[in-house]
Amino acid sequence: MEDFTVTTPLWRWQSATAPAAWFFLTIEGDAADGIRLAAIGGQWLDGGKGFGSAKVRATIGDTSWNTSVFPHRESGGWLLPVKASVRKAEGIAESDAVTVTVSL
């Protein structure tokens, strides 16, 4: 298993037509390249079923969960969705700098 740790701001995406919002961390640079290589080498990519996603285990503070990261065309990195239960448990909010470890 390989681990990649980054600190990046939590940001919110909201549709113009739906009331729900999604929160993400953007993983860029060397960590993004490492995730890509580890995912390809370990066959962790979702085979086209999940928009080129890679299955990971994410950890913020004391909270860990299984999820997927998704390719982010604009940055060349990955998007990590951060669900409400994680944000609440770790006391993080939009624009906070968040340290996350992604393992795959």
PDB file of N, CA and C in Angstrom:
ATOM      1  N   MET A   1       0.848  -1.180   0.000  1.00  0.00           N
ATOM      2  CA  MET A   1       0.000   0.000   0.000  1.00  0.00           C
ATOM      3  C   MET A   1       0.893   1.242   0.000  1.00  0.00           C
ATOM      4  N   GLU A   2       0.560   2.214  -0.828  1.00  0.00           N
ATOM      5  CA  GLU A   2       1.294   3.471  -0.880  1.00  0.00           C
ATOM      6  C   GLU A   2       0.440   4.583  -0.296  1.00  0.00           C
ATOM      7  N   ASP A   3       1.116   5.511   0.422  1.00  0.00           N
ATOM      8  CA  ASP A   3       0.437   6.643   1.052  1.00  0.00           C
ATOM      9  C   ASP A   3       0.931   7.949   0.443  1.00  0.00           C
ATOM     10  N   PHE A   4       0.009   8.877   0.260  1.00  0.00           N
ATOM     11  CA  PHE A   4       0.317  10.208  -0.258  1.00  0.00           C
ATOM     12  C   PHE A   4      -0.387  11.223   0.648  1.00  0.00           C
ATOM     13  N   THR A   5       0.371  12.164   1.204  1.00  0.00           N
ATOM     14  CA  THR A   5      -0.195  13.154   2.126  1.00  0.00           C
ATOM     15  C   THR A   5      -0.035  14.548   1.539  1.00  0.00           C
ATOM     16  N   VAL A   6      -1.130  15.301   1.556  1.00  0.00           N
ATOM     17  CA  VAL A   6      -1.126  16.687   1.075  1.00  0.00           C
ATOM     18  C   VAL A   6      -1.957  17.551   2.014  1.00  0.00           C
ATOM     19  N   THR A   7      -1.690  18.854   1.974  1.00  0.00           N
ATOM     20  CA  THR A   7      -2.526  19.829   2.658  1.00  0.00           C
ATOM     21  C   THR A   7      -3.064  20.763   1.587  1.00  0.00           C
ATOM     22  N   THR A   8      -4.380  20.868   1.539  1.00  0.00           N
ATOM     23  CA  THR A   8      -5.038  21.622   0.464  1.00  0.00           C
ATOM     24  C   THR A   8      -6.374  22.155   0.974  1.00  0.00           C
ATOM     25  N   PRO A   9      -6.889  23.246   0.405  1.00  0.00           N
ATOM     26  CA  PRO A   9      -8.161  23.795   0.895  1.00  0.00           C
ATOM     27  C   PRO A   9      -9.374  22.953   0.514  1.00  0.00           C
ATOM     28  N   LEU A  10     -10.316  22.887   1.423  1.00  0.00           N
ATOM     29  CA  LEU A  10     -11.603  22.250   1.166  1.00  0.00           C
ATOM     30  C   LEU A  10     -12.468  23.242   0.394  1.00  0.00           C
ATOM     31  N   TRP A  11     -13.057  22.790  -0.703  1.00  0.00           N
ATOM     32  CA  TRP A  11     -13.906  23.687  -1.499  1.00  0.00           C
ATOM     33  C   TRP A  11     -15.237  23.026  -1.795  1.00  0.00           C
ATOM     34  N   ARG A  12     -16.210  23.881  -2.105  1.00  0.00           N
ATOM     35  CA  ARG A  12     -17.578  23.426  -2.319  1.00  0.00           C
ATOM     36  C   ARG A  12     -17.966  23.607  -3.779  1.00  0.00           C
ATOM     37  N   TRP A  13     -18.647  22.588  -4.313  1.00  0.00           N
ATOM     38  CA  TRP A  13     -19.246  22.666  -5.636  1.00  0.00           C
ATOM     39  C   TRP A  13     -20.740  22.543  -5.463  1.00  0.00           C
ATOM     40  N   GLN A  14     -21.483  23.429  -6.128  1.00  0.00           N
ATOM     41  CA  GLN A  14     -22.933  23.380  -6.051  1.00  0.00           C
ATOM     42  C   GLN A  14     -23.508  23.618  -7.434  1.00  0.00           C
ATOM     43  N   SER A  15     -24.457  22.796  -7.803  1.00  0.00           N
ATOM     44  CA  SER A  15     -25.139  22.930  -9.084  1.00  0.00           C
ATOM     45  C   SER A  15     -26.025  24.169  -9.076  1.00  0.00           C
ATOM     46  N   ALA A  16     -26.150  24.769 -10.233  1.00  0.00           N
ATOM     47  CA  ALA A  16     -27.040  25.926 -10.350  1.00  0.00           C
ATOM     48  C   ALA A  16     -28.503  25.528 -10.232  1.00  0.00           C
ATOM     49  N   THR A  17     -28.802  24.246 -10.447  1.00  0.00           N
ATOM     50  CA  THR A  17     -30.197  23.804 -10.456  1.00  0.00           C
ATOM     51  C   THR A  17     -30.586  22.929  -9.272  1.00  0.00           C
ATOM     52  N   ALA A  18     -29.623  22.518  -8.450  1.00  0.00           N
ATOM     53  CA  ALA A  18     -29.937  21.631  -7.322  1.00  0.00           C
ATOM     54  C   ALA A  18     -29.456  22.263  -6.020  1.00  0.00           C
ATOM     55  N   PRO A  19     -30.185  22.052  -4.944  1.00  0.00           N
ATOM     56  CA  PRO A  19     -29.802  22.678  -3.677  1.00  0.00           C
ATOM     57  C   PRO A  19     -28.607  22.005  -2.986  1.00  0.00           C
ATOM     58  N   ALA A  20     -28.325  20.759  -3.317  1.00  0.00           N
ATOM     59  CA  ALA A  20     -27.252  20.030  -2.636  1.00  0.00           C
ATOM     60  C   ALA A  20     -25.883  20.567  -3.048  1.00  0.00           C
ATOM     61  N   ALA A  21     -24.923  20.468  -2.136  1.00  0.00           N
ATOM     62  CA  ALA A  21     -23.546  20.869  -2.409  1.00  0.00           C
ATOM     63  C   ALA A  21     -22.634  19.687  -2.119  1.00  0.00           C
ATOM     64  N   TRP A  22     -21.518  19.627  -2.822  1.00  0.00           N
ATOM     65  CA  TRP A  22     -20.504  18.600  -2.622  1.00  0.00           C
ATOM     66  C   TRP A  22     -19.211  19.296  -2.231  1.00  0.00           C
ATOM     67  N   PHE A  23     -18.444  18.664  -1.364  1.00  0.00           N
ATOM     68  CA  PHE A  23     -17.182  19.241  -0.905  1.00  0.00           C
ATOM     69  C   PHE A  23     -16.030  18.359  -1.357  1.00  0.00           C
ATOM     70  N   PHE A  24     -14.949  19.002  -1.799  1.00  0.00           N
ATOM     71  CA  PHE A  24     -13.812  18.292  -2.369  1.00  0.00           C
ATOM     72  C   PHE A  24     -12.493  18.856  -1.874  1.00  0.00           C
ATOM     73  N   LEU A  25     -11.481  17.999  -1.943  1.00  0.00           N
ATOM     74  CA  LEU A  25     -10.092  18.406  -1.855  1.00  0.00           C
ATOM     75  C   LEU A  25      -9.475  18.108  -3.211  1.00  0.00           C
ATOM     76  N   THR A  26      -8.628  18.996  -3.718  1.00  0.00           N
ATOM     77  CA  THR A  26      -7.936  18.768  -4.980  1.00  0.00           C
ATOM     78  C   THR A  26      -6.514  18.333  -4.671  1.00  0.00           C
ATOM     79  N   ILE A  27      -6.141  17.173  -5.177  1.00  0.00           N
ATOM     80  CA  ILE A  27      -4.799  16.633  -4.978  1.00  0.00           C
ATOM     81  C   ILE A  27      -4.020  16.866  -6.263  1.00  0.00           C
ATOM     82  N   GLU A  28      -2.937  17.653  -6.170  1.00  0.00           N
ATOM     83  CA  GLU A  28      -2.162  18.031  -7.348  1.00  0.00           C
ATOM     84  C   GLU A  28      -0.692  17.675  -7.161  1.00  0.00           C
ATOM     85  N   GLY A  29       0.090  17.937  -8.192  1.00  0.00           N
ATOM     86  CA  GLY A  29       1.541  17.838  -8.115  1.00  0.00           C
ATOM     87  C   GLY A  29       2.063  16.419  -7.977  1.00  0.00           C
ATOM     88  N   ASP A  30       3.135  16.294  -7.201  1.00  0.00           N
ATOM     89  CA  ASP A  30       3.802  14.997  -7.038  1.00  0.00           C
ATOM     90  C   ASP A  30       2.871  13.938  -6.456  1.00  0.00           C
ATOM     91  N   ALA A  31       2.015  14.343  -5.511  1.00  0.00           N
ATOM     92  CA  ALA A  31       1.074  13.381  -4.920  1.00  0.00           C
ATOM     93  C   ALA A  31       0.114  12.854  -5.981  1.00  0.00           C
ATOM     94  N   ALA A  32      -0.374  13.743  -6.853  1.00  0.00           N
ATOM     95  CA  ALA A  32      -1.291  13.322  -7.926  1.00  0.00           C
ATOM     96  C   ALA A  32      -0.598  12.359  -8.877  1.00  0.00           C
ATOM     97  N   ASP A  33       0.650  12.668  -9.219  1.00  0.00           N
ATOM     98  CA  ASP A  33       1.408  11.775 -10.099  1.00  0.00           C
ATOM     99  C   ASP A  33       1.625  10.423  -9.436  1.00  0.00           C
ATOM    100  N   GLY A  34       1.941  10.438  -8.141  1.00  0.00           N
ATOM    101  CA  GLY A  34       2.152   9.187  -7.410  1.00  0.00           C
ATOM    102  C   GLY A  34       0.894   8.347  -7.336  1.00  0.00           C
ATOM    103  N   ILE A  35      -0.246   8.989  -7.115  1.00  0.00           N
ATOM    104  CA  ILE A  35      -1.525   8.263  -7.076  1.00  0.00           C
ATOM    105  C   ILE A  35      -1.787   7.626  -8.436  1.00  0.00           C
ATOM    106  N   ARG A  36      -1.564   8.388  -9.498  1.00  0.00           N
ATOM    107  CA  ARG A  36      -1.800   7.876 -10.856  1.00  0.00           C
ATOM    108  C   ARG A  36      -0.933   6.636 -11.118  1.00  0.00           C
ATOM    109  N   LEU A  37       0.352   6.707 -10.794  1.00  0.00           N
ATOM    110  CA  LEU A  37       1.255   5.573 -11.016  1.00  0.00           C
ATOM    111  C   LEU A  37       0.881   4.376 -10.147  1.00  0.00           C
ATOM    112  N   ALA A  38       0.565   4.634  -8.881  1.00  0.00           N
ATOM    113  CA  ALA A  38       0.183   3.541  -7.983  1.00  0.00           C
ATOM    114  C   ALA A  38      -1.120   2.898  -8.431  1.00  0.00           C
ATOM    115  N   ALA A  39      -2.062   3.719  -8.891  1.00  0.00           N
ATOM    116  CA  ALA A  39      -3.356   3.190  -9.336  1.00  0.00           C
ATOM    117  C   ALA A  39      -3.186   2.318 -10.572  1.00  0.00           C
ATOM    118  N   ILE A  40      -2.390   2.784 -11.519  1.00  0.00           N
ATOM    119  CA  ILE A  40      -2.175   1.999 -12.743  1.00  0.00           C
ATOM    120  C   ILE A  40      -1.411   0.723 -12.419  1.00  0.00           C
ATOM    121  N   GLY A  41      -0.349   0.859 -11.639  1.00  0.00           N
ATOM    122  CA  GLY A  41       0.482  -0.299 -11.300  1.00  0.00           C
ATOM    123  C   GLY A  41      -0.246  -1.335 -10.473  1.00  0.00           C
ATOM    124  N   GLY A  42      -1.140  -0.879  -9.606  1.00  0.00           N
ATOM    125  CA  GLY A  42      -1.870  -1.799  -8.738  1.00  0.00           C
ATOM    126  C   GLY A  42      -3.233  -2.179  -9.270  1.00  0.00           C
ATOM    127  N   GLN A  43      -3.544  -1.714 -10.490  1.00  0.00           N
ATOM    128  CA  GLN A  43      -4.846  -1.992 -11.094  1.00  0.00           C
ATOM    129  C   GLN A  43      -5.989  -1.506 -10.213  1.00  0.00           C
ATOM    130  N   TRP A  44      -5.804  -0.343  -9.573  1.00  0.00           N
ATOM    131  CA  TRP A  44      -6.842   0.226  -8.727  1.00  0.00           C
ATOM    132  C   TRP A  44      -7.819   1.077  -9.503  1.00  0.00           C
ATOM    133  N   LEU A  45      -7.524   1.367 -10.766  1.00  0.00           N
ATOM    134  CA  LEU A  45      -8.448   2.181 -11.544  1.00  0.00           C
ATOM    135  C   LEU A  45      -9.734   1.424 -11.779  1.00  0.00           C
ATOM    136  N   ASP A  46     -10.825   2.142 -11.868  1.00  0.00           N
ATOM    137  CA  ASP A  46     -12.156   1.546 -11.888  1.00  0.00           C
ATOM    138  C   ASP A  46     -12.609   1.075 -13.274  1.00  0.00           C
ATOM    139  N   GLY A  47     -11.707   0.873 -14.197  1.00  0.00           N
ATOM    140  CA  GLY A  47     -12.040   0.275 -15.479  1.00  0.00           C
ATOM    141  C   GLY A  47     -13.081   1.015 -16.288  1.00  0.00           C
ATOM    142  N   GLY A  48     -13.135   2.333 -16.195  1.00  0.00           N
ATOM    143  CA  GLY A  48     -14.082   3.100 -16.986  1.00  0.00           C
ATOM    144  C   GLY A  48     -15.465   3.221 -16.372  1.00  0.00           C
ATOM    145  N   LYS A  49     -15.726   2.483 -15.297  1.00  0.00           N
ATOM    146  CA  LYS A  49     -17.054   2.541 -14.675  1.00  0.00           C
ATOM    147  C   LYS A  49     -17.242   3.806 -13.847  1.00  0.00           C
ATOM    148  N   GLY A  50     -16.159   4.366 -13.346  1.00  0.00           N
ATOM    149  CA  GLY A  50     -16.254   5.508 -12.439  1.00  0.00           C
ATOM    150  C   GLY A  50     -15.526   6.722 -12.949  1.00  0.00           C
ATOM    151  N   PHE A  51     -15.615   7.015 -14.236  1.00  0.00           N
ATOM    152  CA  PHE A  51     -14.999   8.205 -14.820  1.00  0.00           C
ATOM    153  C   PHE A  51     -13.487   8.204 -14.649  1.00  0.00           C
ATOM    154  N   GLY A  52     -12.859   7.029 -14.658  1.00  0.00           N
ATOM    155  CA  GLY A  52     -11.407   6.946 -14.479  1.00  0.00           C
ATOM    156  C   GLY A  52     -10.992   7.074 -13.029  1.00  0.00           C
ATOM    157  N   SER A  53     -11.913   6.805 -12.119  1.00  0.00           N
ATOM    158  CA  SER A  53     -11.634   6.946 -10.695  1.00  0.00           C
ATOM    159  C   SER A  53     -10.661   5.878 -10.208  1.00  0.00           C
ATOM    160  N   ALA A  54     -10.058   6.150  -9.061  1.00  0.00           N
ATOM    161  CA  ALA A  54      -9.171   5.189  -8.398  1.00  0.00           C
ATOM    162  C   ALA A  54      -9.686   4.986  -6.976  1.00  0.00           C
ATOM    163  N   LYS A  55      -9.786   3.744  -6.567  1.00  0.00           N
ATOM    164  CA  LYS A  55     -10.253   3.421  -5.217  1.00  0.00           C
ATOM    165  C   LYS A  55      -9.133   3.694  -4.221  1.00  0.00           C
ATOM    166  N   VAL A  56      -9.478   4.392  -3.116  1.00  0.00           N
ATOM    167  CA  VAL A  56      -8.495   4.773  -2.110  1.00  0.00           C
ATOM    168  C   VAL A  56      -9.080   4.638  -0.710  1.00  0.00           C
ATOM    169  N   ARG A  57      -8.205   4.723   0.269  1.00  0.00           N
ATOM    170  CA  ARG A  57      -8.603   4.909   1.664  1.00  0.00           C
ATOM    171  C   ARG A  57      -8.075   6.276   2.046  1.00  0.00           C
ATOM    172  N   ALA A  58      -8.951   7.154   2.503  1.00  0.00           N
ATOM    173  CA  ALA A  58      -8.582   8.520   2.865  1.00  0.00           C
ATOM    174  C   ALA A  58      -8.617   8.674   4.378  1.00  0.00           C
ATOM    175  N   THR A  59      -7.682   9.477   4.899  1.00  0.00           N
ATOM    176  CA  THR A  59      -7.637   9.753   6.333  1.00  0.00           C
ATOM    177  C   THR A  59      -7.432  11.242   6.551  1.00  0.00           C
ATOM    178  N   ILE A  60      -8.338  11.826   7.329  1.00  0.00           N
ATOM    179  CA  ILE A  60      -8.212  13.205   7.798  1.00  0.00           C
ATOM    180  C   ILE A  60      -8.305  13.133   9.310  1.00  0.00           C
ATOM    181  N   GLY A  61      -7.269  13.561   9.992  1.00  0.00           N
ATOM    182  CA  GLY A  61      -7.255  13.498  11.458  1.00  0.00           C
ATOM    183  C   GLY A  61      -7.427  12.062  11.923  1.00  0.00           C
ATOM    184  N   ASP A  62      -8.452  11.833  12.750  1.00  0.00           N
ATOM    185  CA  ASP A  62      -8.741  10.494  13.279  1.00  0.00           C
ATOM    186  C   ASP A  62      -9.776   9.742  12.456  1.00  0.00           C
ATOM    187  N   THR A  63     -10.213  10.310  11.336  1.00  0.00           N
ATOM    188  CA  THR A  63     -11.279   9.724  10.535  1.00  0.00           C
ATOM    189  C   THR A  63     -10.733   9.141   9.243  1.00  0.00           C
ATOM    190  N   SER A  64     -11.023   7.859   9.000  1.00  0.00           N
ATOM    191  CA  SER A  64     -10.627   7.179   7.761  1.00  0.00           C
ATOM    192  C   SER A  64     -11.867   6.595   7.104  1.00  0.00           C
ATOM    193  N   TRP A  65     -11.870   6.568   5.768  1.00  0.00           N
ATOM    194  CA  TRP A  65     -12.993   5.988   5.043  1.00  0.00           C
ATOM    195  C   TRP A  65     -12.530   5.530   3.670  1.00  0.00           C
ATOM    196  N   ASN A  66     -13.256   4.573   3.109  1.00  0.00           N
ATOM    197  CA  ASN A  66     -13.001   4.095   1.758  1.00  0.00           C
ATOM    198  C   ASN A  66     -13.818   4.927   0.783  1.00  0.00           C
ATOM    199  N   THR A  67     -13.167   5.346  -0.295  1.00  0.00           N
ATOM    200  CA  THR A  67     -13.824   6.201  -1.278  1.00  0.00           C
ATOM    201  C   THR A  67     -13.077   6.059  -2.597  1.00  0.00           C
ATOM    202  N   SER A  68     -13.297   6.977  -3.493  1.00  0.00           N
ATOM    203  CA  SER A  68     -12.570   7.033  -4.759  1.00  0.00           C
ATOM    204  C   SER A  68     -12.135   8.463  -5.010  1.00  0.00           C
ATOM    205  N   VAL A  69     -11.020   8.610  -5.732  1.00  0.00           N
ATOM    206  CA  VAL A  69     -10.611   9.920  -6.235  1.00  0.00           C
ATOM    207  C   VAL A  69     -10.917   9.933  -7.725  1.00  0.00           C
ATOM    208  N   PHE A  70     -11.223  11.121  -8.244  1.00  0.00           N
ATOM    209  CA  PHE A  70     -11.644  11.271  -9.629  1.00  0.00           C
ATOM    210  C   PHE A  70     -10.695  12.212 -10.359  1.00  0.00           C
ATOM    211  N   PRO A  71     -10.371  11.924 -11.610  1.00  0.00           N
ATOM    212  CA  PRO A  71      -9.486  12.818 -12.360  1.00  0.00           C
ATOM    213  C   PRO A  71     -10.075  14.219 -12.458  1.00  0.00           C
ATOM    214  N   HIS A  72      -9.199  15.210 -12.314  1.00  0.00           N
ATOM    215  CA  HIS A  72      -9.612  16.610 -12.393  1.00  0.00           C
ATOM    216  C   HIS A  72      -8.904  17.241 -13.583  1.00  0.00           C
ATOM    217  N   ARG A  73      -9.632  17.406 -14.642  1.00  0.00           N
ATOM    218  CA  ARG A  73      -9.061  17.884 -15.907  1.00  0.00           C
ATOM    219  C   ARG A  73      -8.363  19.235 -15.749  1.00  0.00           C
ATOM    220  N   GLU A  74      -8.971  20.153 -15.021  1.00  0.00           N
ATOM    221  CA  GLU A  74      -8.419  21.505 -14.916  1.00  0.00           C
ATOM    222  C   GLU A  74      -7.036  21.536 -14.270  1.00  0.00           C
ATOM    223  N   SER A  75      -6.810  20.726 -13.238  1.00  0.00           N
ATOM    224  CA  SER A  75      -5.528  20.755 -12.522  1.00  0.00           C
ATOM    225  C   SER A  75      -4.589  19.634 -12.948  1.00  0.00           C
ATOM    226  N   GLY A  76      -5.133  18.613 -13.622  1.00  0.00           N
ATOM    227  CA  GLY A  76      -4.324  17.443 -13.926  1.00  0.00           C
ATOM    228  C   GLY A  76      -4.154  16.541 -12.718  1.00  0.00           C
ATOM    229  N   GLY A  77      -4.845  16.849 -11.645  1.00  0.00           N
ATOM    230  CA  GLY A  77      -4.752  16.064 -10.420  1.00  0.00           C
ATOM    231  C   GLY A  77      -5.987  15.210 -10.199  1.00  0.00           C
ATOM    232  N   TRP A  78      -6.352  15.081  -8.946  1.00  0.00           N
ATOM    233  CA  TRP A  78      -7.480  14.238  -8.537  1.00  0.00           C
ATOM    234  C   TRP A  78      -8.393  15.016  -7.611  1.00  0.00           C
ATOM    235  N   LEU A  79      -9.689  14.698  -7.648  1.00  0.00           N
ATOM    236  CA  LEU A  79     -10.666  15.252  -6.713  1.00  0.00           C
ATOM    237  C   LEU A  79     -11.035  14.181  -5.698  1.00  0.00           C
ATOM    238  N   LEU A  80     -10.971  14.551  -4.429  1.00  0.00           N
ATOM    239  CA  LEU A  80     -11.366  13.665  -3.338  1.00  0.00           C
ATOM    240  C   LEU A  80     -12.620  14.235  -2.695  1.00  0.00           C
ATOM    241  N   PRO A  81     -13.763  13.537  -2.821  1.00  0.00           N
ATOM    242  CA  PRO A  81     -14.976  14.016  -2.148  1.00  0.00           C
ATOM    243  C   PRO A  81     -14.855  13.805  -0.637  1.00  0.00           C
ATOM    244  N   VAL A  82     -15.328  14.793   0.127  1.00  0.00           N
ATOM    245  CA  VAL A  82     -15.280  14.711   1.592  1.00  0.00           C
ATOM    246  C   VAL A  82     -16.711  14.817   2.103  1.00  0.00           C
ATOM    247  N   LYS A  83     -17.218  13.698   2.599  1.00  0.00           N
ATOM    248  CA  LYS A  83     -18.626  13.651   3.002  1.00  0.00           C
ATOM    249  C   LYS A  83     -18.866  14.385   4.319  1.00  0.00           C
ATOM    250  N   ALA A  84     -20.135  14.703   4.549  1.00  0.00           N
ATOM    251  CA  ALA A  84     -20.534  15.511   5.704  1.00  0.00           C
ATOM    252  C   ALA A  84     -20.100  14.891   7.027  1.00  0.00           C
ATOM    253  N   SER A  85     -20.200  13.578   7.163  1.00  0.00           N
ATOM    254  CA  SER A  85     -19.836  12.950   8.441  1.00  0.00           C
ATOM    255  C   SER A  85     -18.355  13.150   8.755  1.00  0.00           C
ATOM    256  N   VAL A  86     -17.508  13.168   7.738  1.00  0.00           N
ATOM    257  CA  VAL A  86     -16.073  13.403   7.941  1.00  0.00           C
ATOM    258  C   VAL A  86     -15.842  14.864   8.316  1.00  0.00           C
ATOM    259  N   ARG A  87     -16.477  15.780   7.599  1.00  0.00           N
ATOM    260  CA  ARG A  87     -16.319  17.206   7.902  1.00  0.00           C
ATOM    261  C   ARG A  87     -16.761  17.506   9.326  1.00  0.00           C
ATOM    262  N   LYS A  88     -17.870  16.905   9.735  1.00  0.00           N
ATOM    263  CA  LYS A  88     -18.383  17.130  11.086  1.00  0.00           C
ATOM    264  C   LYS A  88     -17.442  16.526  12.136  1.00  0.00           C
ATOM    265  N   ALA A  89     -17.030  15.291  11.925  1.00  0.00           N
ATOM    266  CA  ALA A  89     -16.164  14.613  12.891  1.00  0.00           C
ATOM    267  C   ALA A  89     -14.836  15.342  13.081  1.00  0.00           C
ATOM    268  N   GLU A  90     -14.323  15.941  12.010  1.00  0.00           N
ATOM    269  CA  GLU A  90     -13.015  16.606  12.069  1.00  0.00           C
ATOM    270  C   GLU A  90     -13.120  18.121  12.229  1.00  0.00           C
ATOM    271  N   GLY A  91     -14.353  18.643  12.265  1.00  0.00           N
ATOM    272  CA  GLY A  91     -14.550  20.072  12.479  1.00  0.00           C
ATOM    273  C   GLY A  91     -13.964  20.933  11.374  1.00  0.00           C
ATOM    274  N   ILE A  92     -14.126  20.473  10.123  1.00  0.00           N
ATOM    275  CA  ILE A  92     -13.587  21.243   8.999  1.00  0.00           C
ATOM    276  C   ILE A  92     -14.723  21.857   8.188  1.00  0.00           C
ATOM    277  N   ALA A  93     -14.420  22.993   7.576  1.00  0.00           N
ATOM    278  CA  ALA A  93     -15.423  23.735   6.813  1.00  0.00           C
ATOM    279  C   ALA A  93     -14.788  24.253   5.530  1.00  0.00           C
ATOM    280  N   GLU A  94     -15.638  24.736   4.644  1.00  0.00           N
ATOM    281  CA  GLU A  94     -15.194  25.293   3.366  1.00  0.00           C
ATOM    282  C   GLU A  94     -14.051  26.295   3.581  1.00  0.00           C
ATOM    283  N   SER A  95     -13.030  26.184   2.745  1.00  0.00           N
ATOM    284  CA  SER A  95     -11.832  27.035   2.733  1.00  0.00           C
ATOM    285  C   SER A  95     -10.783  26.648   3.765  1.00  0.00           C
ATOM    286  N   ASP A  96     -11.091  25.732   4.687  1.00  0.00           N
ATOM    287  CA  ASP A  96     -10.071  25.281   5.645  1.00  0.00           C
ATOM    288  C   ASP A  96      -8.970  24.526   4.906  1.00  0.00           C
ATOM    289  N   ALA A  97      -7.730  24.727   5.335  1.00  0.00           N
ATOM    290  CA  ALA A  97      -6.614  23.913   4.831  1.00  0.00           C
ATOM    291  C   ALA A  97      -6.685  22.570   5.546  1.00  0.00           C
ATOM    292  N   VAL A  98      -6.775  21.508   4.778  1.00  0.00           N
ATOM    293  CA  VAL A  98      -6.987  20.164   5.321  1.00  0.00           C
ATOM    294  C   VAL A  98      -5.819  19.274   4.923  1.00  0.00           C
ATOM    295  N   THR A  99      -5.275  18.547   5.898  1.00  0.00           N
ATOM    296  CA  THR A  99      -4.243  17.566   5.613  1.00  0.00           C
ATOM    297  C   THR A  99      -4.916  16.208   5.478  1.00  0.00           C
ATOM    298  N   VAL A 100      -4.709  15.577   4.335  1.00  0.00           N
ATOM    299  CA  VAL A 100      -5.317  14.282   4.053  1.00  0.00           C
ATOM    300  C   VAL A 100      -4.233  13.314   3.604  1.00  0.00           C
ATOM    301  N   THR A 101      -4.362  12.074   4.027  1.00  0.00           N
ATOM    302  CA  THR A 101      -3.519  10.990   3.515  1.00  0.00           C
ATOM    303  C   THR A 101      -4.393  10.061   2.712  1.00  0.00           C
ATOM    304  N   VAL A 102      -3.967   9.818   1.479  1.00  0.00           N
ATOM    305  CA  VAL A 102      -4.668   8.919   0.572  1.00  0.00           C
ATOM    306  C   VAL A 102      -3.808   7.677   0.408  1.00  0.00           C
ATOM    307  N   SER A 103      -4.409   6.517   0.651  1.00  0.00           N
ATOM    308  CA  SER A 103      -3.683   5.244   0.569  1.00  0.00           C
ATOM    309  C   SER A 103      -4.305   4.355  -0.491  1.00  0.00           C
ATOM    310  N   LEU A 104      -3.445   3.725  -1.301  1.00  0.00           N
ATOM    311  CA  LEU A 104      -3.929   2.747  -2.273  1.00  0.00           C
ATOM    312  C   LEU A 104      -2.846   1.748  -2.566  1.00  0.00           C
TER     313      LEU A 104
END
